[in-house]
């Protein structure tokens, strides 16, 4: 197996497990404890690694949300300092990992492989990845695996945004096209649900054929870019990483 094949095979699992904690009971408890809305906690927690910056800096990092929603959410959560919010969000990620991956016996090995990828990757165009990579890591086990799944997810997210911009797509346009699965177009109704979830105002224009082509090229470019980070692993390690991620996904569904 080569690095690009491994990236393509695992990107859905990394996305699901790396971001699974964001809608978890652990994060919901944080919101209730600190009196923040879900999006206020999301932006202050995920983007708190950037520090107390202007909302436009946050928008530059997250890319796929409308500017007004980012500013409203970021400013609305300022009663929770950025550094504290990031630490609390990381703690929720770790607690989610301990709960959801408790039955995953190979969590330490998965974390070891993911750390090799993350620690060897460039940080260019990836501020959230760089910030989360620099965060303190838990000692090991499911908590560390969950942490590093999120770190690697941030890497792909950043380089995907770079690829989308390079292909001349706007964030809403790219969202409305979606990522094709094995060459099958994403149903428009499903992508409009995503746009609505991201707080883009309606109505939504139907994407053009050119936008669909650009989005496909952006997905392929993203895979190419992330493969450079995965290439630090040898063929046997890449095969092992794929197997461990499948196992982790199954363990996560069981809880």
C-alpha atoms as a PDB file:
ATOM      1  CA  UNK A   1       0.000   0.000   0.000  1.00  0.00           C
ATOM      2  CA  UNK A   2       1.259   3.494  -0.806  1.00  0.00           C
ATOM      3  CA  UNK A   3       0.593   6.685   1.117  1.00  0.00           C
ATOM      4  CA  UNK A   4      -2.082   8.037  -1.203  1.00  0.00           C
ATOM      5  CA  UNK A   5      -4.045   4.783  -1.140  1.00  0.00           C
ATOM      6  CA  UNK A   6      -3.944   4.881   2.661  1.00  0.00           C
ATOM      7  CA  UNK A   7      -5.158   8.486   2.709  1.00  0.00           C
ATOM      8  CA  UNK A   8      -8.098   7.694   0.445  1.00  0.00           C
ATOM      9  CA  UNK A   9      -9.014   4.579   2.420  1.00  0.00           C
ATOM     10  CA  UNK A  10      -8.891   6.252   5.820  1.00  0.00           C
ATOM     11  CA  UNK A  11     -10.070   9.825   5.278  1.00  0.00           C
ATOM     12  CA  UNK A  12     -13.698   9.127   6.168  1.00  0.00           C
ATOM     13  CA  UNK A  13     -12.750   7.318   9.381  1.00  0.00           C
ATOM     14  CA  UNK A  14     -10.281  10.020  10.413  1.00  0.00           C
ATOM     15  CA  UNK A  15     -12.931  12.649   9.760  1.00  0.00           C
ATOM     16  CA  UNK A  16     -15.593  10.824  11.767  1.00  0.00           C
ATOM     17  CA  UNK A  17     -13.437   9.789  14.723  1.00  0.00           C
ATOM     18  CA  UNK A  18     -11.322  12.933  14.735  1.00  0.00           C
ATOM     19  CA  UNK A  19     -14.361  15.149  15.025  1.00  0.00           C
ATOM     20  CA  UNK A  20     -16.691  12.784  16.869  1.00  0.00           C
ATOM     21  CA  UNK A  21     -16.195  14.456  20.226  1.00  0.00           C
ATOM     22  CA  UNK A  22     -17.431  17.827  18.945  1.00  0.00           C
ATOM     23  CA  UNK A  23     -21.096  16.753  19.180  1.00  0.00           C
ATOM     24  CA  UNK A  24     -20.602  14.587  22.250  1.00  0.00           C
ATOM     25  CA  UNK A  25     -22.127  14.566  25.701  1.00  0.00           C
ATOM     26  CA  UNK A  26     -18.724  15.684  26.992  1.00  0.00           C
ATOM     27  CA  UNK A  27     -18.850  18.922  24.979  1.00  0.00           C
ATOM     28  CA  UNK A  28     -22.518  19.427  25.795  1.00  0.00           C
ATOM     29  CA  UNK A  29     -21.574  19.294  29.482  1.00  0.00           C
ATOM     30  CA  UNK A  30     -18.932  21.976  28.872  1.00  0.00           C
ATOM     31  CA  UNK A  31     -21.528  24.219  27.258  1.00  0.00           C
ATOM     32  CA  UNK A  32     -23.875  23.807  30.212  1.00  0.00           C
ATOM     33  CA  UNK A  33     -21.122  24.324  32.760  1.00  0.00           C
ATOM     34  CA  UNK A  34     -19.836  27.533  31.196  1.00  0.00           C
ATOM     35  CA  UNK A  35     -23.091  28.947  29.853  1.00  0.00           C
ATOM     36  CA  UNK A  36     -22.069  28.889  26.191  1.00  0.00           C
ATOM     37  CA  UNK A  37     -24.024  27.868  23.131  1.00  0.00           C
ATOM     38  CA  UNK A  38     -22.797  24.882  21.100  1.00  0.00           C
ATOM     39  CA  UNK A  39     -21.247  27.057  18.386  1.00  0.00           C
ATOM     40  CA  UNK A  40     -19.687  29.431  20.893  1.00  0.00           C
ATOM     41  CA  UNK A  41     -17.968  26.475  22.548  1.00  0.00           C
ATOM     42  CA  UNK A  42     -17.048  24.984  19.183  1.00  0.00           C
ATOM     43  CA  UNK A  43     -15.249  28.082  17.956  1.00  0.00           C
ATOM     44  CA  UNK A  44     -13.696  29.051  21.295  1.00  0.00           C
ATOM     45  CA  UNK A  45     -12.633  25.456  21.955  1.00  0.00           C
ATOM     46  CA  UNK A  46     -11.440  24.361  18.551  1.00  0.00           C
ATOM     47  CA  UNK A  47      -9.922  27.714  17.607  1.00  0.00           C
ATOM     48  CA  UNK A  48      -8.725  28.745  21.055  1.00  0.00           C
ATOM     49  CA  UNK A  49      -5.299  27.406  20.046  1.00  0.00           C
ATOM     50  CA  UNK A  50      -4.990  30.580  17.922  1.00  0.00           C
ATOM     51  CA  UNK A  51      -5.159  32.806  21.012  1.00  0.00           C
ATOM     52  CA  UNK A  52      -7.290  35.907  21.593  1.00  0.00           C
ATOM     53  CA  UNK A  53      -7.415  36.961  17.968  1.00  0.00           C
ATOM     54  CA  UNK A  54      -9.895  38.875  15.863  1.00  0.00           C
ATOM     55  CA  UNK A  55     -12.732  36.798  14.411  1.00  0.00           C
ATOM     56  CA  UNK A  56     -11.328  37.262  10.902  1.00  0.00           C
ATOM     57  CA  UNK A  57      -8.264  35.254  11.970  1.00  0.00           C
ATOM     58  CA  UNK A  58     -10.593  32.455  13.064  1.00  0.00           C
ATOM     59  CA  UNK A  59     -12.451  32.679   9.752  1.00  0.00           C
ATOM     60  CA  UNK A  60      -9.140  32.404   7.891  1.00  0.00           C
ATOM     61  CA  UNK A  61      -8.500  29.131   9.712  1.00  0.00           C
ATOM     62  CA  UNK A  62     -11.938  27.485   9.614  1.00  0.00           C
ATOM     63  CA  UNK A  63     -12.816  28.677   6.055  1.00  0.00           C
ATOM     64  CA  UNK A  64     -16.138  26.891   5.487  1.00  0.00           C
ATOM     65  CA  UNK A  65     -18.442  28.962   7.723  1.00  0.00           C
ATOM     66  CA  UNK A  66     -20.037  32.333   6.886  1.00  0.00           C
ATOM     67  CA  UNK A  67     -18.092  35.282   8.270  1.00  0.00           C
ATOM     68  CA  UNK A  68     -20.956  36.720  10.302  1.00  0.00           C
ATOM     69  CA  UNK A  69     -21.629  33.429  12.055  1.00  0.00           C
ATOM     70  CA  UNK A  70     -17.956  33.021  12.933  1.00  0.00           C
ATOM     71  CA  UNK A  71     -17.758  36.523  14.403  1.00  0.00           C
ATOM     72  CA  UNK A  72     -20.999  36.180  16.365  1.00  0.00           C
ATOM     73  CA  UNK A  73     -19.961  32.808  17.823  1.00  0.00           C
ATOM     74  CA  UNK A  74     -16.352  33.759  18.559  1.00  0.00           C
ATOM     75  CA  UNK A  75     -17.242  37.055  20.208  1.00  0.00           C
ATOM     76  CA  UNK A  76     -20.212  35.517  22.006  1.00  0.00           C
ATOM     77  CA  UNK A  77     -17.920  33.052  23.759  1.00  0.00           C
ATOM     78  CA  UNK A  78     -15.242  35.525  24.889  1.00  0.00           C
ATOM     79  CA  UNK A  79     -16.175  35.146  28.546  1.00  0.00           C
ATOM     80  CA  UNK A  80     -14.257  31.869  28.284  1.00  0.00           C
ATOM     81  CA  UNK A  81     -10.590  32.778  27.572  1.00  0.00           C
ATOM     82  CA  UNK A  82      -9.178  31.191  24.433  1.00  0.00           C
ATOM     83  CA  UNK A  83      -6.403  29.240  26.151  1.00  0.00           C
ATOM     84  CA  UNK A  84      -8.791  27.877  28.766  1.00  0.00           C
ATOM     85  CA  UNK A  85     -11.388  27.009  26.132  1.00  0.00           C
ATOM     86  CA  UNK A  86      -8.843  25.059  24.082  1.00  0.00           C
ATOM     87  CA  UNK A  87      -7.704  23.130  27.165  1.00  0.00           C
ATOM     88  CA  UNK A  88     -11.293  22.302  28.122  1.00  0.00           C
ATOM     89  CA  UNK A  89     -12.095  21.238  24.568  1.00  0.00           C
ATOM     90  CA  UNK A  90      -9.042  18.995  24.500  1.00  0.00           C
ATOM     91  CA  UNK A  91     -10.125  17.482  27.801  1.00  0.00           C
ATOM     92  CA  UNK A  92     -13.555  16.734  26.346  1.00  0.00           C
ATOM     93  CA  UNK A  93     -11.855  15.084  23.375  1.00  0.00           C
ATOM     94  CA  UNK A  94      -9.809  12.905  25.721  1.00  0.00           C
ATOM     95  CA  UNK A  95     -12.832  11.966  27.839  1.00  0.00           C
ATOM     96  CA  UNK A  96     -14.791  11.121  24.690  1.00  0.00           C
ATOM     97  CA  UNK A  97     -11.921   8.885  23.578  1.00  0.00           C
ATOM     98  CA  UNK A  98     -11.817   7.081  26.915  1.00  0.00           C
ATOM     99  CA  UNK A  99     -15.539   6.384  26.623  1.00  0.00           C
ATOM    100  CA  UNK A 100     -15.979   5.630  22.916  1.00  0.00           C
ATOM    101  CA  UNK A 101     -12.713   3.755  22.368  1.00  0.00           C
ATOM    102  CA  UNK A 102     -12.639   1.917  25.674  1.00  0.00           C
ATOM    103  CA  UNK A 103     -12.926  -1.448  23.915  1.00  0.00           C
ATOM    104  CA  UNK A 104     -10.163  -0.696  21.416  1.00  0.00           C
ATOM    105  CA  UNK A 105      -7.170  -2.701  22.589  1.00  0.00           C
ATOM    106  CA  UNK A 106      -4.711  -1.267  20.055  1.00  0.00           C
ATOM    107  CA  UNK A 107      -5.208   2.404  20.884  1.00  0.00           C
ATOM    108  CA  UNK A 108      -1.559   2.923  21.841  1.00  0.00           C
ATOM    109  CA  UNK A 109      -0.292   1.557  18.544  1.00  0.00           C
ATOM    110  CA  UNK A 110      -2.766   3.663  16.569  1.00  0.00           C
ATOM    111  CA  UNK A 111      -1.643   6.720  18.521  1.00  0.00           C
ATOM    112  CA  UNK A 112       2.002   5.895  17.781  1.00  0.00           C
ATOM    113  CA  UNK A 113       1.384   5.743  14.032  1.00  0.00           C
ATOM    114  CA  UNK A 114      -0.756   8.888  14.017  1.00  0.00           C
ATOM    115  CA  UNK A 115       1.888  10.751  16.035  1.00  0.00           C
ATOM    116  CA  UNK A 116       4.506   9.795  13.451  1.00  0.00           C
ATOM    117  CA  UNK A 117       2.323  11.287  10.718  1.00  0.00           C
ATOM    118  CA  UNK A 118       1.422  14.419  12.678  1.00  0.00           C
ATOM    119  CA  UNK A 119       4.878  15.157  14.032  1.00  0.00           C
ATOM    120  CA  UNK A 120       6.504  14.744  10.627  1.00  0.00           C
ATOM    121  CA  UNK A 121       4.029  16.922   8.720  1.00  0.00           C
ATOM    122  CA  UNK A 122       4.607  20.477   7.540  1.00  0.00           C
ATOM    123  CA  UNK A 123       2.457  23.167   9.139  1.00  0.00           C
ATOM    124  CA  UNK A 124       2.199  25.374   6.046  1.00  0.00           C
ATOM    125  CA  UNK A 125      -1.360  26.702   5.552  1.00  0.00           C
ATOM    126  CA  UNK A 126      -2.494  24.701   8.600  1.00  0.00           C
ATOM    127  CA  UNK A 127      -2.723  26.989  11.671  1.00  0.00           C
ATOM    128  CA  UNK A 128      -5.260  24.888  13.579  1.00  0.00           C
ATOM    129  CA  UNK A 129      -3.252  21.752  12.940  1.00  0.00           C
ATOM    130  CA  UNK A 130      -0.112  23.501  14.191  1.00  0.00           C
ATOM    131  CA  UNK A 131      -1.944  24.758  17.279  1.00  0.00           C
ATOM    132  CA  UNK A 132      -3.445  21.378  18.148  1.00  0.00           C
ATOM    133  CA  UNK A 133      -0.190  19.558  17.478  1.00  0.00           C
ATOM    134  CA  UNK A 134       1.443  21.826  20.058  1.00  0.00           C
ATOM    135  CA  UNK A 135      -1.209  21.127  22.709  1.00  0.00           C
ATOM    136  CA  UNK A 136      -0.244  18.894  25.654  1.00  0.00           C
ATOM    137  CA  UNK A 137      -1.048  15.256  24.933  1.00  0.00           C
ATOM    138  CA  UNK A 138      -2.534  12.746  27.375  1.00  0.00           C
ATOM    139  CA  UNK A 139      -0.371   9.878  28.523  1.00  0.00           C
ATOM    140  CA  UNK A 140      -1.697   7.174  26.217  1.00  0.00           C
ATOM    141  CA  UNK A 141      -4.489   4.771  25.413  1.00  0.00           C
ATOM    142  CA  UNK A 142      -7.844   5.817  23.956  1.00  0.00           C
ATOM    143  CA  UNK A 143      -7.444   9.427  25.121  1.00  0.00           C
ATOM    144  CA  UNK A 144      -4.208   9.867  23.185  1.00  0.00           C
ATOM    145  CA  UNK A 145      -5.632   8.114  20.136  1.00  0.00           C
ATOM    146  CA  UNK A 146      -8.636  10.463  20.165  1.00  0.00           C
ATOM    147  CA  UNK A 147      -6.356  13.493  20.536  1.00  0.00           C
ATOM    148  CA  UNK A 148      -4.177  12.504  17.596  1.00  0.00           C
ATOM    149  CA  UNK A 149      -7.163  11.593  15.443  1.00  0.00           C
ATOM    150  CA  UNK A 150      -8.313  15.176  15.904  1.00  0.00           C
ATOM    151  CA  UNK A 151      -4.839  16.538  15.135  1.00  0.00           C
ATOM    152  CA  UNK A 152      -4.620  14.571  11.877  1.00  0.00           C
ATOM    153  CA  UNK A 153      -8.182  15.593  11.018  1.00  0.00           C
ATOM    154  CA  UNK A 154      -7.126  19.231  11.367  1.00  0.00           C
ATOM    155  CA  UNK A 155      -4.258  18.578   8.976  1.00  0.00           C
ATOM    156  CA  UNK A 156      -6.555  17.295   6.241  1.00  0.00           C
ATOM    157  CA  UNK A 157      -9.088  20.031   6.930  1.00  0.00           C
ATOM    158  CA  UNK A 158      -6.488  22.750   6.461  1.00  0.00           C
ATOM    159  CA  UNK A 159      -5.058  21.333   3.273  1.00  0.00           C
ATOM    160  CA  UNK A 160      -8.528  20.682   1.908  1.00  0.00           C
ATOM    161  CA  UNK A 161      -9.337  24.359   2.402  1.00  0.00           C
ATOM    162  CA  UNK A 162      -6.106  25.219   0.603  1.00  0.00           C
ATOM    163  CA  UNK A 163      -7.058  22.952  -2.294  1.00  0.00           C
ATOM    164  CA  UNK A 164     -10.568  24.414  -2.518  1.00  0.00           C
ATOM    165  CA  UNK A 165      -9.199  27.949  -2.689  1.00  0.00           C
ATOM    166  CA  UNK A 166      -6.561  26.889  -5.224  1.00  0.00           C
ATOM    167  CA  UNK A 167      -9.326  25.547  -7.471  1.00  0.00           C
ATOM    168  CA  UNK A 168     -11.151  28.863  -7.349  1.00  0.00           C
ATOM    169  CA  UNK A 169     -14.136  27.668  -5.329  1.00  0.00           C
ATOM    170  CA  UNK A 170     -15.874  29.624  -2.599  1.00  0.00           C
ATOM    171  CA  UNK A 171     -16.636  27.849   0.686  1.00  0.00           C
ATOM    172  CA  UNK A 172     -20.412  27.721   0.142  1.00  0.00           C
ATOM    173  CA  UNK A 173     -19.962  26.592  -3.454  1.00  0.00           C
ATOM    174  CA  UNK A 174     -17.635  23.783  -2.372  1.00  0.00           C
ATOM    175  CA  UNK A 175     -20.073  22.756   0.354  1.00  0.00           C
ATOM    176  CA  UNK A 176     -23.014  22.603  -2.037  1.00  0.00           C
ATOM    177  CA  UNK A 177     -21.088  20.313  -4.386  1.00  0.00           C
ATOM    178  CA  UNK A 178     -19.786  18.030  -1.619  1.00  0.00           C
ATOM    179  CA  UNK A 179     -17.227  15.256  -1.959  1.00  0.00           C
ATOM    180  CA  UNK A 180     -18.121  12.576  -4.478  1.00  0.00           C
ATOM    181  CA  UNK A 181     -17.997   9.003  -3.206  1.00  0.00           C
ATOM    182  CA  UNK A 182     -16.388   6.653  -5.732  1.00  0.00           C
ATOM    183  CA  UNK A 183     -17.393   8.950  -8.568  1.00  0.00           C
ATOM    184  CA  UNK A 184     -21.044   9.186  -7.500  1.00  0.00           C
ATOM    185  CA  UNK A 185     -22.356  12.776  -7.217  1.00  0.00           C
ATOM    186  CA  UNK A 186     -23.584  13.823  -3.785  1.00  0.00           C
ATOM    187  CA  UNK A 187     -27.370  14.408  -3.741  1.00  0.00           C
ATOM    188  CA  UNK A 188     -28.055  18.143  -3.726  1.00  0.00           C
ATOM    189  CA  UNK A 189     -30.485  17.790  -0.822  1.00  0.00           C
ATOM    190  CA  UNK A 190     -27.752  16.274   1.327  1.00  0.00           C
ATOM    191  CA  UNK A 191     -25.294  19.059   0.614  1.00  0.00           C
ATOM    192  CA  UNK A 192     -27.898  21.717   1.349  1.00  0.00           C
ATOM    193  CA  UNK A 193     -28.358  20.077   4.764  1.00  0.00           C
ATOM    194  CA  UNK A 194     -24.624  20.523   5.338  1.00  0.00           C
ATOM    195  CA  UNK A 195     -24.779  24.166   4.248  1.00  0.00           C
ATOM    196  CA  UNK A 196     -27.687  24.728   6.612  1.00  0.00           C
ATOM    197  CA  UNK A 197     -25.770  23.065   9.453  1.00  0.00           C
ATOM    198  CA  UNK A 198     -22.833  25.391   8.787  1.00  0.00           C
ATOM    199  CA  UNK A 199     -25.245  28.354   9.114  1.00  0.00           C
ATOM    200  CA  UNK A 200     -25.145  29.589   5.511  1.00  0.00           C
ATOM    201  CA  UNK A 201     -28.254  31.664   4.771  1.00  0.00           C
ATOM    202  CA  UNK A 202     -30.736  30.335   2.236  1.00  0.00           C
ATOM    203  CA  UNK A 203     -31.673  30.109  -0.608  1.00  0.00           C
ATOM    204  CA  UNK A 204     -28.860  27.995  -2.015  1.00  0.00           C
ATOM    205  CA  UNK A 205     -27.910  28.111  -5.701  1.00  0.00           C
ATOM    206  CA  UNK A 206     -27.529  24.826  -7.539  1.00  0.00           C
ATOM    207  CA  UNK A 207     -23.814  24.269  -8.252  1.00  0.00           C
ATOM    208  CA  UNK A 208     -22.633  24.492 -11.837  1.00  0.00           C
ATOM    209  CA  UNK A 209     -21.023  21.646 -13.761  1.00  0.00           C
ATOM    210  CA  UNK A 210     -17.759  23.595 -13.631  1.00  0.00           C
ATOM    211  CA  UNK A 211     -18.004  23.801  -9.832  1.00  0.00           C
ATOM    212  CA  UNK A 212     -18.464  20.035  -9.659  1.00  0.00           C
ATOM    213  CA  UNK A 213     -15.314  19.538 -11.722  1.00  0.00           C
ATOM    214  CA  UNK A 214     -13.352  22.006  -9.586  1.00  0.00           C
ATOM    215  CA  UNK A 215     -14.535  20.310  -6.401  1.00  0.00           C
ATOM    216  CA  UNK A 216     -13.408  16.915  -7.688  1.00  0.00           C
ATOM    217  CA  UNK A 217      -9.973  18.337  -8.486  1.00  0.00           C
ATOM    218  CA  UNK A 218      -9.815  19.898  -5.005  1.00  0.00           C
ATOM    219  CA  UNK A 219     -10.562  16.520  -3.407  1.00  0.00           C
ATOM    220  CA  UNK A 220      -7.831  14.849  -5.453  1.00  0.00           C
ATOM    221  CA  UNK A 221      -5.362  17.621  -4.591  1.00  0.00           C
ATOM    222  CA  UNK A 222      -6.216  17.246  -0.909  1.00  0.00           C
ATOM    223  CA  UNK A 223      -5.446  13.540  -1.096  1.00  0.00           C
ATOM    224  CA  UNK A 224      -2.126  14.328  -2.803  1.00  0.00           C
ATOM    225  CA  UNK A 225      -1.151  16.857  -0.132  1.00  0.00           C
ATOM    226  CA  UNK A 226      -2.067  14.656   2.833  1.00  0.00           C
ATOM    227  CA  UNK A 227      -0.250  11.713   1.234  1.00  0.00           C
ATOM    228  CA  UNK A 228       2.997  13.649   1.691  1.00  0.00           C
ATOM    229  CA  UNK A 229       2.477  13.473   5.461  1.00  0.00           C
ATOM    230  CA  UNK A 230       1.486   9.799   5.412  1.00  0.00           C
ATOM    231  CA  UNK A 231       4.582   8.968   3.356  1.00  0.00           C
ATOM    232  CA  UNK A 232       6.660   9.060   6.551  1.00  0.00           C
ATOM    233  CA  UNK A 233       5.240   5.557   7.174  1.00  0.00           C
ATOM    234  CA  UNK A 234       6.416   2.529   5.248  1.00  0.00           C
ATOM    235  CA  UNK A 235       4.062   0.234   3.272  1.00  0.00           C
ATOM    236  CA  UNK A 236       3.612  -2.215   6.151  1.00  0.00           C
ATOM    237  CA  UNK A 237       2.888   0.605   8.611  1.00  0.00           C
ATOM    238  CA  UNK A 238       0.360   2.161   6.218  1.00  0.00           C
ATOM    239  CA  UNK A 239      -1.437  -1.171   5.915  1.00  0.00           C
ATOM    240  CA  UNK A 240      -1.401  -1.489   9.684  1.00  0.00           C
ATOM    241  CA  UNK A 241      -2.726   2.065  10.097  1.00  0.00           C
ATOM    242  CA  UNK A 242      -5.661   1.309   7.800  1.00  0.00           C
ATOM    243  CA  UNK A 243      -6.488  -1.866   9.711  1.00  0.00           C
ATOM    244  CA  UNK A 244      -6.276  -0.112  13.082  1.00  0.00           C
ATOM    245  CA  UNK A 245      -8.532   2.708  11.937  1.00  0.00           C
ATOM    246  CA  UNK A 246     -11.136   0.209  10.748  1.00  0.00           C
ATOM    247  CA  UNK A 247     -10.897  -1.521  14.116  1.00  0.00           C
ATOM    248  CA  UNK A 248     -11.209   1.796  15.978  1.00  0.00           C
ATOM    249  CA  UNK A 249     -14.254   2.729  13.921  1.00  0.00           C
ATOM    250  CA  UNK A 250     -15.974  -0.537  14.805  1.00  0.00           C
ATOM    251  CA  UNK A 251     -15.060  -0.121  18.484  1.00  0.00           C
ATOM    252  CA  UNK A 252     -16.482   3.398  18.455  1.00  0.00           C
ATOM    253  CA  UNK A 253     -19.805   2.256  16.981  1.00  0.00           C
ATOM    254  CA  UNK A 254     -20.181  -0.370  19.663  1.00  0.00           C
ATOM    255  CA  UNK A 255     -20.503   2.242  22.431  1.00  0.00           C
END
